[in-house]
C-alpha atoms as a PDB file:
ATOM      1  CA  MET A   1      54.424  46.609-109.499  1.00  0.00           C
ATOM      2  CA  ALA A   2      52.541  47.865-112.521  1.00  0.00           C
ATOM      3  CA  ALA A   3      53.151  44.607-114.400  1.00  0.00           C
ATOM      4  CA  ALA A   4      51.938  42.524-111.463  1.00  0.00           C
ATOM      5  CA  ALA A   5      48.866  44.692-110.995  1.00  0.00           C
ATOM      6  CA  ALA A   6      48.087  44.471-114.717  1.00  0.00           C
ATOM      7  CA  ARG A   7      48.032  40.681-114.371  1.00  0.00           C
ATOM      8  CA  GLY A   8      45.844  40.827-111.271  1.00  0.00           C
ATOM      9  CA  VAL A   9      48.600  39.702-108.909  1.00  0.00           C
ATOM     10  CA  PRO A  10      48.129  41.298-105.500  1.00  0.00           C
ATOM     11  CA  CYS A  11      51.258  43.083-104.368  1.00  0.00           C
ATOM     12  CA  ASP A  12      52.350  45.557-101.761  1.00  0.00           C
ATOM     13  CA  ARG A  13      55.250  47.963-101.668  1.00  0.00           C
ATOM     14  CA  LEU A  14      57.395  47.899 -98.566  1.00  0.00           C
ATOM     15  CA  ILE A  15      59.113  51.176 -97.850  1.00  0.00           C
ATOM     16  CA  PHE A  16      61.352  51.611 -94.853  1.00  0.00           C
ATOM     17  CA  ASP A  17      62.045  55.329 -94.506  1.00  0.00           C
ATOM     18  CA  ASP A  18      65.051  54.674 -92.279  1.00  0.00           C
ATOM     19  CA  GLU A  19      66.820  52.381 -94.783  1.00  0.00           C
ATOM     20  CA  GLY A  20      68.700  52.796 -98.033  1.00  0.00           C
ATOM     21  CA  HIS A  21      69.250  50.022-100.580  1.00  0.00           C
ATOM     22  CA  GLU A  22      69.822  47.377 -97.906  1.00  0.00           C
ATOM     23  CA  PHE A  23      67.911  46.362 -94.813  1.00  0.00           C
ATOM     24  CA  ARG A  24      70.272  46.928 -91.902  1.00  0.00           C
ATOM     25  CA  ARG A  25      67.853  47.305 -88.998  1.00  0.00           C
ATOM     26  CA  PRO A  26      66.797  43.925 -87.556  1.00  0.00           C
ATOM     27  CA  ALA A  27      63.152  44.988 -87.185  1.00  0.00           C
ATOM     28  CA  ASN A  28      62.997  45.921 -90.865  1.00  0.00           C
ATOM     29  CA  ARG A  29      64.590  42.622 -91.875  1.00  0.00           C
ATOM     30  CA  VAL A  30      62.036  40.685 -89.841  1.00  0.00           C
ATOM     31  CA  SER A  31      59.184  42.683 -91.355  1.00  0.00           C
ATOM     32  CA  TYR A  32      60.498  42.119 -94.882  1.00  0.00           C
ATOM     33  CA  VAL A  33      61.070  38.377 -94.487  1.00  0.00           C
ATOM     34  CA  THR A  34      57.708  37.884 -92.773  1.00  0.00           C
ATOM     35  CA  THR A  35      55.890  39.782 -95.505  1.00  0.00           C
ATOM     36  CA  VAL A  36      57.662  38.023 -98.392  1.00  0.00           C
ATOM     37  CA  THR A  37      57.299  34.518 -96.965  1.00  0.00           C
ATOM     38  CA  GLY A  38      53.617  35.156 -96.267  1.00  0.00           C
ATOM     39  CA  TRP A  39      53.081  36.400 -99.824  1.00  0.00           C
ATOM     40  CA  LEU A  40      54.881  33.380-101.281  1.00  0.00           C
ATOM     41  CA  SER A  41      53.032  30.979 -99.022  1.00  0.00           C
ATOM     42  CA  ASP A  42      49.672  32.380-100.113  1.00  0.00           C
ATOM     43  CA  ARG A  43      50.523  31.956-103.776  1.00  0.00           C
ATOM     44  CA  LEU A  44      52.627  28.788-103.867  1.00  0.00           C
ATOM     45  CA  ASN A  45      50.681  26.576-101.461  1.00  0.00           C
ATOM     46  CA  PRO A  46      47.506  25.486-103.216  1.00  0.00           C
ATOM     47  CA  PRO A  47      44.518  24.827-101.008  1.00  0.00           C
ATOM     48  CA  CYS A  48      44.181  21.244 -99.867  1.00  0.00           C
ATOM     49  CA  PRO A  49      41.555  19.330-101.822  1.00  0.00           C
ATOM     50  CA  ARG A  50      38.493  18.436 -99.832  1.00  0.00           C
ATOM     51  CA  LYS A  51      38.310  14.840 -98.809  1.00  0.00           C
ATOM     52  CA  PRO A  52      35.169  13.196-100.194  1.00  0.00           C
ATOM     53  CA  GLU A  53      32.729  12.206 -97.528  1.00  0.00           C
ATOM     54  CA  ASP A  54      32.090   8.494 -97.188  1.00  0.00           C
END
């Protein structure tokens, strides 16, 4: 996280107190996948260019 923050990349740490090294609880898996896909979507999908007005 320190390297990402040093480059200005927004990042969050997900900690599930009821998990170990793997995500076994379905709710935690959903939260993880939702968070990661949202983060990737924000960074990998460039904004659509504005269409010039006629």
